Amino acid sequence: TGQAIRPGDVLIGLASSGLHTNGFSLARKVLFAEKKLKGDDLLPGYRQKTGNALMQAHVNYSGLIGEALKKLNKGKRASQRKDNAVFGLAHITGGGFTGNIPRILPENCNGIIDTSSWKPLPIFRTITEGNRVDFEEAYEVFNMGIGLVAAISGEAVDAFMKMAAKHRHKAWIVGSVTKGSGFVDLRK
């Protein structure tokens, strides 16, 4: 629920497969109208066709999340920290990082996201190259290669990362929770 999130908790990002279900209007504008690409064209500098990159299926995180909640959250109430380690989950959908992570943050916490902790997928690098879409807009519209962010206890990071690998999800520590007022600070 996010109610138990506290400063010091760790934000782990799980890889997306592409746009998932958001940002298609802006992506089409940049790729097709401005860059004049067609669906069968390779993304410039990459081996993937533009149309295939846009049509990647949404990643299903339910197996990993189900196992993590079962094994890492033994407490009686999700709103309490006692015997729990996974405190909040945010899909990075429409609204990107700055619109979705605040939904799980208590009003007295901020999320700090280190955008250099993972490498965006080629589709996002192609869309943002040459500042066609600036940094802030990119992270407000797109998932930039992170489809889900989990707020967890620092003590549970290793266990969560092992579960992610077992479920074949790439995962990175992408940030942390600090004292604040419920917003997300994106850092390059």
N, C-alpha and C. Protein backbone atom coordinates (compact mmCIF):
# COMPACT_ATOMS: atom_id res chain seq x y z
N THR A 1 0.82 -1.21 0.00
CA THR A 1 0.00 0.00 0.00
C THR A 1 0.85 1.26 0.00
N GLY A 2 2.10 1.14 0.43
CA GLY A 2 2.97 2.30 0.52
C GLY A 2 2.94 2.97 1.88
N GLN A 3 1.95 2.64 2.72
CA GLN A 3 1.83 3.28 4.02
C GLN A 3 3.03 3.04 4.91
N ALA A 4 3.73 1.94 4.73
CA ALA A 4 4.86 1.58 5.59
C ALA A 4 6.21 2.05 5.03
N ILE A 5 6.22 2.71 3.88
CA ILE A 5 7.48 3.20 3.30
C ILE A 5 8.07 4.26 4.22
N ARG A 6 9.41 4.17 4.41
CA ARG A 6 10.11 5.10 5.28
C ARG A 6 11.42 5.53 4.63
N PRO A 7 11.96 6.69 5.04
CA PRO A 7 13.29 7.06 4.55
C PRO A 7 14.28 5.94 4.83
N GLY A 8 15.16 5.70 3.86
CA GLY A 8 16.12 4.61 3.96
C GLY A 8 15.73 3.39 3.17
N ASP A 9 14.46 3.28 2.79
CA ASP A 9 14.04 2.15 1.96
C ASP A 9 14.68 2.27 0.58
N VAL A 10 14.77 1.15 -0.10
CA VAL A 10 15.45 1.06 -1.39
C VAL A 10 14.40 0.96 -2.49
N LEU A 11 14.66 1.61 -3.61
CA LEU A 11 13.78 1.52 -4.78
C LEU A 11 14.47 0.63 -5.82
N ILE A 12 13.81 -0.46 -6.15
CA ILE A 12 14.33 -1.40 -7.15
C ILE A 12 13.46 -1.29 -8.39
N GLY A 13 14.12 -1.16 -9.54
CA GLY A 13 13.42 -1.09 -10.81
C GLY A 13 13.51 -2.41 -11.55
N LEU A 14 12.40 -2.83 -12.12
CA LEU A 14 12.35 -4.04 -12.94
C LEU A 14 12.23 -3.64 -14.41
N ALA A 15 13.00 -4.28 -15.26
CA ALA A 15 13.06 -3.91 -16.67
C ALA A 15 11.70 -4.04 -17.36
N SER A 16 11.46 -3.09 -18.24
CA SER A 16 10.31 -3.18 -19.13
C SER A 16 10.78 -3.82 -20.43
N SER A 17 9.84 -4.10 -21.31
CA SER A 17 10.17 -4.64 -22.63
C SER A 17 10.11 -3.57 -23.71
N GLY A 18 9.65 -2.39 -23.33
CA GLY A 18 9.48 -1.30 -24.28
C GLY A 18 8.49 -0.30 -23.73
N LEU A 19 7.66 0.26 -24.61
CA LEU A 19 6.71 1.29 -24.18
C LEU A 19 5.62 0.74 -23.26
N HIS A 20 5.44 -0.56 -23.25
CA HIS A 20 4.31 -1.19 -22.56
C HIS A 20 3.04 -0.58 -23.12
N THR A 21 2.32 0.23 -22.42
CA THR A 21 1.06 0.73 -22.97
C THR A 21 0.97 2.25 -23.00
N ASN A 22 2.11 2.93 -22.88
CA ASN A 22 2.04 4.39 -22.75
C ASN A 22 3.08 5.12 -23.58
N GLY A 23 2.69 6.31 -24.01
CA GLY A 23 3.60 7.18 -24.74
C GLY A 23 3.60 6.98 -26.24
N PHE A 24 2.63 6.25 -26.75
CA PHE A 24 2.63 5.94 -28.18
C PHE A 24 2.43 7.17 -29.06
N SER A 25 1.64 8.12 -28.64
CA SER A 25 1.42 9.31 -29.47
C SER A 25 2.73 10.08 -29.66
N LEU A 26 3.44 10.29 -28.57
CA LEU A 26 4.72 11.00 -28.65
C LEU A 26 5.75 10.17 -29.40
N ALA A 27 5.79 8.87 -29.16
CA ALA A 27 6.74 8.00 -29.86
C ALA A 27 6.49 8.02 -31.37
N ARG A 28 5.22 7.91 -31.77
CA ARG A 28 4.90 7.95 -33.21
C ARG A 28 5.28 9.29 -33.82
N LYS A 29 5.03 10.38 -33.08
CA LYS A 29 5.37 11.71 -33.59
C LYS A 29 6.87 11.80 -33.87
N VAL A 30 7.68 11.39 -32.90
CA VAL A 30 9.13 11.49 -33.06
C VAL A 30 9.64 10.52 -34.12
N LEU A 31 9.24 9.25 -34.02
CA LEU A 31 9.79 8.23 -34.90
C LEU A 31 9.30 8.34 -36.34
N PHE A 32 8.00 8.55 -36.51
CA PHE A 32 7.43 8.53 -37.85
C PHE A 32 7.35 9.92 -38.49
N ALA A 33 6.90 10.92 -37.76
CA ALA A 33 6.75 12.25 -38.35
C ALA A 33 8.08 13.01 -38.42
N GLU A 34 8.85 12.98 -37.33
CA GLU A 34 10.10 13.75 -37.32
C GLU A 34 11.27 12.99 -37.90
N LYS A 35 11.45 11.73 -37.52
CA LYS A 35 12.60 10.95 -38.01
C LYS A 35 12.30 10.26 -39.34
N LYS A 36 11.04 10.27 -39.75
CA LYS A 36 10.62 9.69 -41.03
C LYS A 36 10.91 8.19 -41.13
N LEU A 37 10.87 7.50 -40.00
CA LEU A 37 11.08 6.05 -40.00
C LEU A 37 9.79 5.34 -40.38
N LYS A 38 9.92 4.13 -40.85
CA LYS A 38 8.78 3.26 -41.13
C LYS A 38 8.90 2.05 -40.21
N GLY A 39 7.84 1.30 -40.06
CA GLY A 39 7.83 0.15 -39.16
C GLY A 39 8.90 -0.88 -39.47
N ASP A 40 9.24 -1.06 -40.75
CA ASP A 40 10.26 -2.04 -41.13
C ASP A 40 11.68 -1.51 -41.06
N ASP A 41 11.84 -0.21 -40.80
CA ASP A 41 13.19 0.38 -40.68
C ASP A 41 13.81 -0.03 -39.35
N LEU A 42 15.11 -0.28 -39.39
CA LEU A 42 15.83 -0.54 -38.14
C LEU A 42 15.93 0.76 -37.35
N LEU A 43 15.82 0.64 -36.02
CA LEU A 43 16.08 1.80 -35.19
C LEU A 43 17.51 2.24 -35.48
N PRO A 44 17.75 3.51 -35.74
CA PRO A 44 19.10 3.97 -36.09
C PRO A 44 20.14 3.53 -35.06
N GLY A 45 21.15 2.76 -35.52
CA GLY A 45 22.21 2.30 -34.65
C GLY A 45 21.92 1.00 -33.91
N TYR A 46 20.76 0.39 -34.17
CA TYR A 46 20.37 -0.83 -33.46
C TYR A 46 19.94 -1.90 -34.46
N ARG A 47 19.72 -3.10 -33.96
CA ARG A 47 19.34 -4.23 -34.83
C ARG A 47 17.86 -4.53 -34.78
N GLN A 48 17.08 -3.70 -34.14
CA GLN A 48 15.65 -3.97 -33.97
C GLN A 48 14.84 -3.07 -34.91
N LYS A 49 13.83 -3.66 -35.52
CA LYS A 49 12.95 -2.88 -36.38
C LYS A 49 12.09 -1.97 -35.52
N THR A 50 11.82 -0.80 -36.03
CA THR A 50 11.04 0.20 -35.30
C THR A 50 9.67 -0.35 -34.91
N GLY A 51 8.98 -0.98 -35.84
CA GLY A 51 7.66 -1.53 -35.54
C GLY A 51 7.71 -2.59 -34.45
N ASN A 52 8.73 -3.46 -34.49
CA ASN A 52 8.87 -4.48 -33.44
C ASN A 52 9.13 -3.85 -32.08
N ALA A 53 9.95 -2.81 -32.06
CA ALA A 53 10.24 -2.13 -30.80
C ALA A 53 8.97 -1.53 -30.20
N LEU A 54 8.12 -0.98 -31.05
CA LEU A 54 6.87 -0.37 -30.57
C LEU A 54 5.85 -1.41 -30.12
N MET A 55 5.92 -2.60 -30.65
CA MET A 55 4.89 -3.60 -30.37
C MET A 55 5.30 -4.67 -29.36
N GLN A 56 6.37 -4.44 -28.60
CA GLN A 56 6.79 -5.41 -27.59
C GLN A 56 5.67 -5.62 -26.58
N ALA A 57 5.42 -6.86 -26.24
CA ALA A 57 4.37 -7.19 -25.26
C ALA A 57 4.75 -6.65 -23.88
N HIS A 58 3.76 -6.25 -23.13
CA HIS A 58 3.93 -5.76 -21.76
C HIS A 58 4.45 -6.89 -20.88
N VAL A 59 5.42 -6.60 -20.03
CA VAL A 59 5.97 -7.60 -19.11
C VAL A 59 4.97 -7.89 -18.00
N ASN A 60 4.84 -9.15 -17.65
CA ASN A 60 3.98 -9.57 -16.54
C ASN A 60 4.87 -9.83 -15.33
N TYR A 61 4.71 -9.03 -14.31
CA TYR A 61 5.53 -9.13 -13.10
C TYR A 61 4.86 -9.95 -12.00
N SER A 62 3.70 -10.51 -12.27
CA SER A 62 2.90 -11.12 -11.19
C SER A 62 3.58 -12.30 -10.51
N GLY A 63 4.32 -13.14 -11.24
CA GLY A 63 4.98 -14.28 -10.60
C GLY A 63 6.00 -13.83 -9.57
N LEU A 64 6.83 -12.88 -9.94
CA LEU A 64 7.83 -12.34 -9.02
C LEU A 64 7.17 -11.65 -7.83
N ILE A 65 6.20 -10.80 -8.10
CA ILE A 65 5.56 -10.04 -7.02
C ILE A 65 4.83 -11.00 -6.07
N GLY A 66 4.15 -11.98 -6.61
CA GLY A 66 3.47 -12.95 -5.75
C GLY A 66 4.45 -13.67 -4.84
N GLU A 67 5.57 -14.12 -5.39
CA GLU A 67 6.57 -14.80 -4.57
C GLU A 67 7.19 -13.86 -3.54
N ALA A 68 7.51 -12.64 -3.95
CA ALA A 68 8.13 -11.68 -3.03
C ALA A 68 7.20 -11.36 -1.87
N LEU A 69 5.93 -11.15 -2.15
CA LEU A 69 4.98 -10.84 -1.07
C LEU A 69 4.81 -12.03 -0.13
N LYS A 70 4.78 -13.23 -0.71
CA LYS A 70 4.61 -14.43 0.12
C LYS A 70 5.82 -14.68 1.01
N LYS A 71 7.03 -14.51 0.45
CA LYS A 71 8.24 -14.85 1.20
C LYS A 71 8.80 -13.70 2.04
N LEU A 72 8.59 -12.47 1.61
CA LEU A 72 9.20 -11.33 2.30
C LEU A 72 8.22 -10.57 3.19
N ASN A 73 6.94 -10.81 3.03
CA ASN A 73 5.94 -10.12 3.84
C ASN A 73 5.16 -11.14 4.67
N LYS A 74 5.61 -11.32 5.89
CA LYS A 74 4.97 -12.26 6.82
C LYS A 74 4.12 -11.54 7.86
N GLY A 75 4.14 -10.21 7.83
CA GLY A 75 3.40 -9.42 8.81
C GLY A 75 1.90 -9.54 8.65
N LYS A 76 1.18 -9.22 9.72
CA LYS A 76 -0.28 -9.32 9.71
C LYS A 76 -0.93 -8.22 8.87
N ARG A 77 -0.29 -7.04 8.80
CA ARG A 77 -0.89 -5.92 8.10
C ARG A 77 0.11 -5.29 7.15
N ALA A 78 -0.30 -5.06 5.92
CA ALA A 78 0.58 -4.45 4.92
C ALA A 78 0.94 -3.02 5.29
N SER A 79 0.12 -2.37 6.08
CA SER A 79 0.38 -0.98 6.44
C SER A 79 1.44 -0.85 7.53
N GLN A 80 1.92 -1.97 8.04
CA GLN A 80 2.94 -1.95 9.10
C GLN A 80 4.25 -2.54 8.60
N ARG A 81 5.35 -2.12 9.17
CA ARG A 81 6.66 -2.61 8.78
C ARG A 81 7.00 -3.95 9.43
N LYS A 82 6.45 -4.21 10.60
CA LYS A 82 6.81 -5.41 11.35
C LYS A 82 6.60 -6.66 10.51
N ASP A 83 7.69 -7.41 10.33
CA ASP A 83 7.71 -8.67 9.59
C ASP A 83 7.39 -8.53 8.10
N ASN A 84 7.51 -7.32 7.57
CA ASN A 84 7.31 -7.08 6.15
C ASN A 84 8.57 -6.45 5.56
N ALA A 85 8.77 -6.63 4.26
CA ALA A 85 9.93 -6.04 3.59
C ALA A 85 9.60 -5.36 2.27
N VAL A 86 8.48 -5.73 1.66
CA VAL A 86 8.03 -5.09 0.42
C VAL A 86 6.91 -4.13 0.83
N PHE A 87 7.18 -2.82 0.67
CA PHE A 87 6.25 -1.82 1.20
C PHE A 87 5.41 -1.10 0.15
N GLY A 88 5.83 -1.14 -1.10
CA GLY A 88 5.06 -0.47 -2.14
C GLY A 88 5.51 -0.90 -3.52
N LEU A 89 4.57 -0.89 -4.46
CA LEU A 89 4.83 -1.27 -5.85
C LEU A 89 4.17 -0.24 -6.76
N ALA A 90 4.91 0.24 -7.74
CA ALA A 90 4.36 1.22 -8.68
C ALA A 90 4.69 0.81 -10.11
N HIS A 91 3.64 0.57 -10.90
CA HIS A 91 3.86 0.39 -12.33
C HIS A 91 4.25 1.73 -12.91
N ILE A 92 5.22 1.74 -13.78
CA ILE A 92 5.63 2.98 -14.43
C ILE A 92 4.88 3.02 -15.76
N THR A 93 3.70 3.61 -15.70
CA THR A 93 2.79 3.67 -16.84
C THR A 93 2.64 5.13 -17.25
N GLY A 94 1.47 5.50 -17.77
CA GLY A 94 1.22 6.89 -18.12
C GLY A 94 1.50 7.78 -16.92
N GLY A 95 2.32 8.78 -17.09
CA GLY A 95 2.74 9.62 -15.99
C GLY A 95 4.18 9.34 -15.59
N GLY A 96 4.76 8.27 -16.16
CA GLY A 96 6.16 7.96 -15.93
C GLY A 96 6.52 7.83 -14.46
N PHE A 97 7.74 8.20 -14.15
CA PHE A 97 8.27 8.08 -12.79
C PHE A 97 7.63 9.11 -11.86
N THR A 98 7.52 10.35 -12.36
CA THR A 98 7.05 11.43 -11.50
C THR A 98 5.55 11.38 -11.25
N GLY A 99 4.82 10.64 -12.05
CA GLY A 99 3.38 10.53 -11.85
C GLY A 99 2.94 9.27 -11.12
N ASN A 100 3.78 8.23 -11.14
CA ASN A 100 3.37 6.96 -10.56
C ASN A 100 4.00 6.65 -9.21
N ILE A 101 5.26 6.91 -9.04
CA ILE A 101 5.90 6.61 -7.75
C ILE A 101 5.29 7.42 -6.61
N PRO A 102 4.95 8.70 -6.81
CA PRO A 102 4.33 9.45 -5.70
C PRO A 102 3.02 8.83 -5.19
N ARG A 103 2.37 8.03 -5.99
CA ARG A 103 1.12 7.38 -5.56
C ARG A 103 1.33 6.42 -4.40
N ILE A 104 2.55 5.89 -4.27
CA ILE A 104 2.81 4.96 -3.17
C ILE A 104 3.59 5.61 -2.03
N LEU A 105 4.10 6.81 -2.24
CA LEU A 105 4.91 7.45 -1.20
C LEU A 105 4.04 8.12 -0.15
N PRO A 106 4.39 7.93 1.14
CA PRO A 106 3.72 8.72 2.17
C PRO A 106 4.04 10.20 1.95
N GLU A 107 3.22 11.08 2.48
CA GLU A 107 3.40 12.52 2.27
C GLU A 107 4.73 13.05 2.80
N ASN A 108 5.36 12.33 3.75
CA ASN A 108 6.61 12.80 4.34
C ASN A 108 7.85 12.16 3.71
N CYS A 109 7.69 11.53 2.54
CA CYS A 109 8.82 10.86 1.88
C CYS A 109 8.94 11.29 0.43
N ASN A 110 10.18 11.32 -0.05
CA ASN A 110 10.46 11.53 -1.47
C ASN A 110 11.14 10.28 -2.02
N GLY A 111 11.01 10.09 -3.31
CA GLY A 111 11.76 9.06 -4.00
C GLY A 111 12.87 9.72 -4.79
N ILE A 112 14.09 9.27 -4.61
CA ILE A 112 15.22 9.75 -5.39
C ILE A 112 15.53 8.67 -6.42
N ILE A 113 15.46 9.01 -7.70
CA ILE A 113 15.73 8.06 -8.77
C ILE A 113 17.02 8.45 -9.47
N ASP A 114 17.99 7.54 -9.48
CA ASP A 114 19.25 7.74 -10.19
C ASP A 114 19.09 7.15 -11.58
N THR A 115 18.83 8.02 -12.55
CA THR A 115 18.54 7.55 -13.91
C THR A 115 19.77 6.98 -14.61
N SER A 116 20.95 7.10 -14.00
CA SER A 116 22.16 6.51 -14.59
C SER A 116 22.36 5.07 -14.12
N SER A 117 21.47 4.55 -13.28
CA SER A 117 21.65 3.21 -12.72
C SER A 117 21.21 2.10 -13.68
N TRP A 118 20.59 2.44 -14.78
CA TRP A 118 20.26 1.47 -15.82
C TRP A 118 20.37 2.18 -17.16
N LYS A 119 20.43 1.40 -18.22
CA LYS A 119 20.54 1.94 -19.57
C LYS A 119 19.18 1.83 -20.26
N PRO A 120 18.59 2.95 -20.65
CA PRO A 120 17.30 2.87 -21.35
C PRO A 120 17.37 2.00 -22.60
N LEU A 121 16.25 1.39 -22.93
CA LEU A 121 16.17 0.54 -24.11
C LEU A 121 16.41 1.37 -25.38
N PRO A 122 16.83 0.72 -26.49
CA PRO A 122 17.08 1.44 -27.74
C PRO A 122 15.91 2.31 -28.19
N ILE A 123 14.68 1.86 -28.03
CA ILE A 123 13.53 2.66 -28.46
C ILE A 123 13.51 4.01 -27.75
N PHE A 124 13.85 4.02 -26.46
CA PHE A 124 13.84 5.28 -25.70
C PHE A 124 15.04 6.14 -26.05
N ARG A 125 16.18 5.52 -26.30
CA ARG A 125 17.36 6.29 -26.70
C ARG A 125 17.12 6.95 -28.07
N THR A 126 16.46 6.22 -28.97
CA THR A 126 16.16 6.77 -30.29
C THR A 126 15.19 7.94 -30.17
N ILE A 127 14.17 7.80 -29.36
CA ILE A 127 13.17 8.86 -29.20
C ILE A 127 13.78 10.12 -28.58
N THR A 128 14.70 9.94 -27.63
CA THR A 128 15.22 11.10 -26.90
C THR A 128 16.50 11.69 -27.48
N GLU A 129 17.15 10.99 -28.42
CA GLU A 129 18.42 11.52 -28.95
C GLU A 129 18.21 12.88 -29.59
N GLY A 130 19.22 13.71 -29.45
CA GLY A 130 19.15 15.05 -30.03
C GLY A 130 18.15 15.95 -29.31
N ASN A 131 17.78 15.56 -28.10
CA ASN A 131 16.83 16.34 -27.28
C ASN A 131 15.49 16.58 -27.96
N ARG A 132 15.08 15.64 -28.82
CA ARG A 132 13.74 15.74 -29.41
C ARG A 132 12.68 15.72 -28.31
N VAL A 133 12.96 14.91 -27.28
CA VAL A 133 12.13 14.88 -26.08
C VAL A 133 13.10 15.13 -24.93
N ASP A 134 12.88 16.19 -24.15
CA ASP A 134 13.85 16.51 -23.10
C ASP A 134 13.77 15.53 -21.93
N PHE A 135 14.77 15.58 -21.08
CA PHE A 135 14.93 14.66 -19.96
C PHE A 135 13.66 14.57 -19.12
N GLU A 136 13.15 15.71 -18.65
CA GLU A 136 11.99 15.70 -17.76
C GLU A 136 10.76 15.09 -18.44
N GLU A 137 10.51 15.49 -19.69
CA GLU A 137 9.35 14.96 -20.40
C GLU A 137 9.49 13.45 -20.62
N ALA A 138 10.69 13.00 -20.96
CA ALA A 138 10.90 11.57 -21.21
C ALA A 138 10.53 10.75 -19.98
N TYR A 139 10.95 11.19 -18.79
CA TYR A 139 10.68 10.44 -17.57
C TYR A 139 9.28 10.69 -17.00
N GLU A 140 8.56 11.65 -17.58
CA GLU A 140 7.16 11.88 -17.21
C GLU A 140 6.20 11.14 -18.14
N VAL A 141 6.67 10.79 -19.33
CA VAL A 141 5.81 10.13 -20.32
C VAL A 141 6.12 8.64 -20.44
N PHE A 142 7.40 8.30 -20.49
CA PHE A 142 7.82 6.93 -20.77
C PHE A 142 8.33 6.23 -19.52
N ASN A 143 8.42 4.90 -19.61
CA ASN A 143 9.02 4.15 -18.50
C ASN A 143 10.54 4.07 -18.64
N MET A 144 11.07 4.46 -19.76
CA MET A 144 12.51 4.54 -20.01
C MET A 144 13.25 3.22 -19.73
N GLY A 145 12.53 2.12 -19.78
CA GLY A 145 13.15 0.81 -19.57
C GLY A 145 12.89 0.20 -18.20
N ILE A 146 12.14 0.90 -17.36
CA ILE A 146 11.77 0.39 -16.03
C ILE A 146 10.25 0.30 -15.98
N GLY A 147 9.73 -0.91 -15.89
CA GLY A 147 8.28 -1.10 -15.93
C GLY A 147 7.61 -1.11 -14.57
N LEU A 148 8.38 -1.39 -13.52
CA LEU A 148 7.81 -1.46 -12.18
C LEU A 148 8.89 -1.08 -11.18
N VAL A 149 8.51 -0.31 -10.16
CA VAL A 149 9.42 0.05 -9.09
C VAL A 149 8.86 -0.50 -7.78
N ALA A 150 9.73 -1.18 -7.03
CA ALA A 150 9.36 -1.73 -5.73
C ALA A 150 10.11 -0.97 -4.64
N ALA A 151 9.39 -0.56 -3.60
CA ALA A 151 10.00 0.06 -2.42
C ALA A 151 10.14 -1.03 -1.37
N ILE A 152 11.39 -1.34 -1.00
CA ILE A 152 11.62 -2.45 -0.09
C ILE A 152 12.64 -2.07 0.99
N SER A 153 12.66 -2.87 2.01
CA SER A 153 13.64 -2.74 3.09
C SER A 153 15.03 -3.05 2.54
N GLY A 154 16.03 -2.30 2.99
CA GLY A 154 17.40 -2.55 2.56
C GLY A 154 17.86 -3.96 2.85
N GLU A 155 17.36 -4.55 3.93
CA GLU A 155 17.76 -5.91 4.31
C GLU A 155 17.23 -6.95 3.34
N ALA A 156 16.23 -6.61 2.57
CA ALA A 156 15.61 -7.58 1.66
C ALA A 156 16.09 -7.45 0.21
N VAL A 157 17.00 -6.52 -0.04
CA VAL A 157 17.44 -6.28 -1.43
C VAL A 157 18.00 -7.54 -2.07
N ASP A 158 18.93 -8.22 -1.41
CA ASP A 158 19.54 -9.42 -2.01
C ASP A 158 18.49 -10.48 -2.32
N ALA A 159 17.60 -10.73 -1.38
CA ALA A 159 16.57 -11.75 -1.59
C ALA A 159 15.66 -11.37 -2.76
N PHE A 160 15.27 -10.10 -2.83
CA PHE A 160 14.40 -9.64 -3.91
C PHE A 160 15.11 -9.76 -5.26
N MET A 161 16.38 -9.39 -5.29
CA MET A 161 17.14 -9.47 -6.55
C MET A 161 17.29 -10.92 -7.01
N LYS A 162 17.49 -11.84 -6.08
CA LYS A 162 17.58 -13.25 -6.44
C LYS A 162 16.25 -13.76 -6.99
N MET A 163 15.15 -13.34 -6.38
CA MET A 163 13.84 -13.73 -6.89
C MET A 163 13.62 -13.16 -8.29
N ALA A 164 14.02 -11.91 -8.51
CA ALA A 164 13.88 -11.30 -9.83
C ALA A 164 14.64 -12.10 -10.87
N ALA A 165 15.87 -12.48 -10.56
CA ALA A 165 16.67 -13.27 -11.50
C ALA A 165 16.01 -14.63 -11.76
N LYS A 166 15.50 -15.25 -10.71
CA LYS A 166 14.82 -16.54 -10.86
C LYS A 166 13.63 -16.43 -11.82
N HIS A 167 12.92 -15.29 -11.77
CA HIS A 167 11.77 -15.07 -12.64
C HIS A 167 12.17 -14.42 -13.97
N ARG A 168 13.47 -14.34 -14.21
CA ARG A 168 14.03 -13.81 -15.45
C ARG A 168 13.70 -12.34 -15.69
N HIS A 169 13.69 -11.59 -14.62
CA HIS A 169 13.53 -10.14 -14.72
C HIS A 169 14.87 -9.48 -14.43
N LYS A 170 15.26 -8.55 -15.29
CA LYS A 170 16.42 -7.72 -14.97
C LYS A 170 15.97 -6.72 -13.91
N ALA A 171 16.84 -6.50 -12.93
CA ALA A 171 16.49 -5.59 -11.84
C ALA A 171 17.71 -4.77 -11.44
N TRP A 172 17.45 -3.52 -11.07
CA TRP A 172 18.51 -2.62 -10.63
C TRP A 172 18.04 -1.86 -9.40
N ILE A 173 18.98 -1.53 -8.54
CA ILE A 173 18.67 -0.55 -7.49
C ILE A 173 18.67 0.79 -8.22
N VAL A 174 17.51 1.43 -8.28
CA VAL A 174 17.38 2.67 -9.04
C VAL A 174 17.26 3.90 -8.16
N GLY A 175 17.16 3.70 -6.86
CA GLY A 175 17.04 4.86 -6.00
C GLY A 175 16.76 4.52 -4.56
N SER A 176 16.32 5.53 -3.85
CA SER A 176 16.07 5.38 -2.42
C SER A 176 14.96 6.33 -1.99
N VAL A 177 14.51 6.10 -0.77
CA VAL A 177 13.47 6.95 -0.17
C VAL A 177 14.15 7.86 0.85
N THR A 178 13.80 9.14 0.81
CA THR A 178 14.33 10.11 1.75
C THR A 178 13.18 10.87 2.40
N LYS A 179 13.49 11.65 3.41
CA LYS A 179 12.48 12.55 3.98
C LYS A 179 12.09 13.54 2.91
N GLY A 180 10.84 13.95 2.92
CA GLY A 180 10.41 14.89 1.90
C GLY A 180 8.94 15.21 1.99
N SER A 181 8.36 15.46 0.83
CA SER A 181 6.95 15.87 0.77
C SER A 181 6.17 15.13 -0.30
N GLY A 182 6.58 13.89 -0.64
CA GLY A 182 5.78 13.05 -1.53
C GLY A 182 6.07 13.19 -3.01
N PHE A 183 7.25 13.66 -3.39
CA PHE A 183 7.52 13.76 -4.81
C PHE A 183 8.75 12.94 -5.19
N VAL A 184 9.01 12.87 -6.51
CA VAL A 184 10.15 12.11 -7.02
C VAL A 184 11.16 13.08 -7.61
N ASP A 185 12.40 12.90 -7.22
CA ASP A 185 13.52 13.69 -7.71
C ASP A 185 14.32 12.82 -8.67
N LEU A 186 14.35 13.20 -9.93
CA LEU A 186 15.09 12.47 -10.96
C LEU A 186 16.50 13.03 -11.05
N ARG A 187 17.49 12.17 -10.93
CA ARG A 187 18.87 12.62 -11.00
C ARG A 187 19.58 11.93 -12.15
N LYS A 188 20.37 12.71 -12.89
CA LYS A 188 21.12 12.18 -14.04
C LYS A 188 22.39 11.51 -13.58
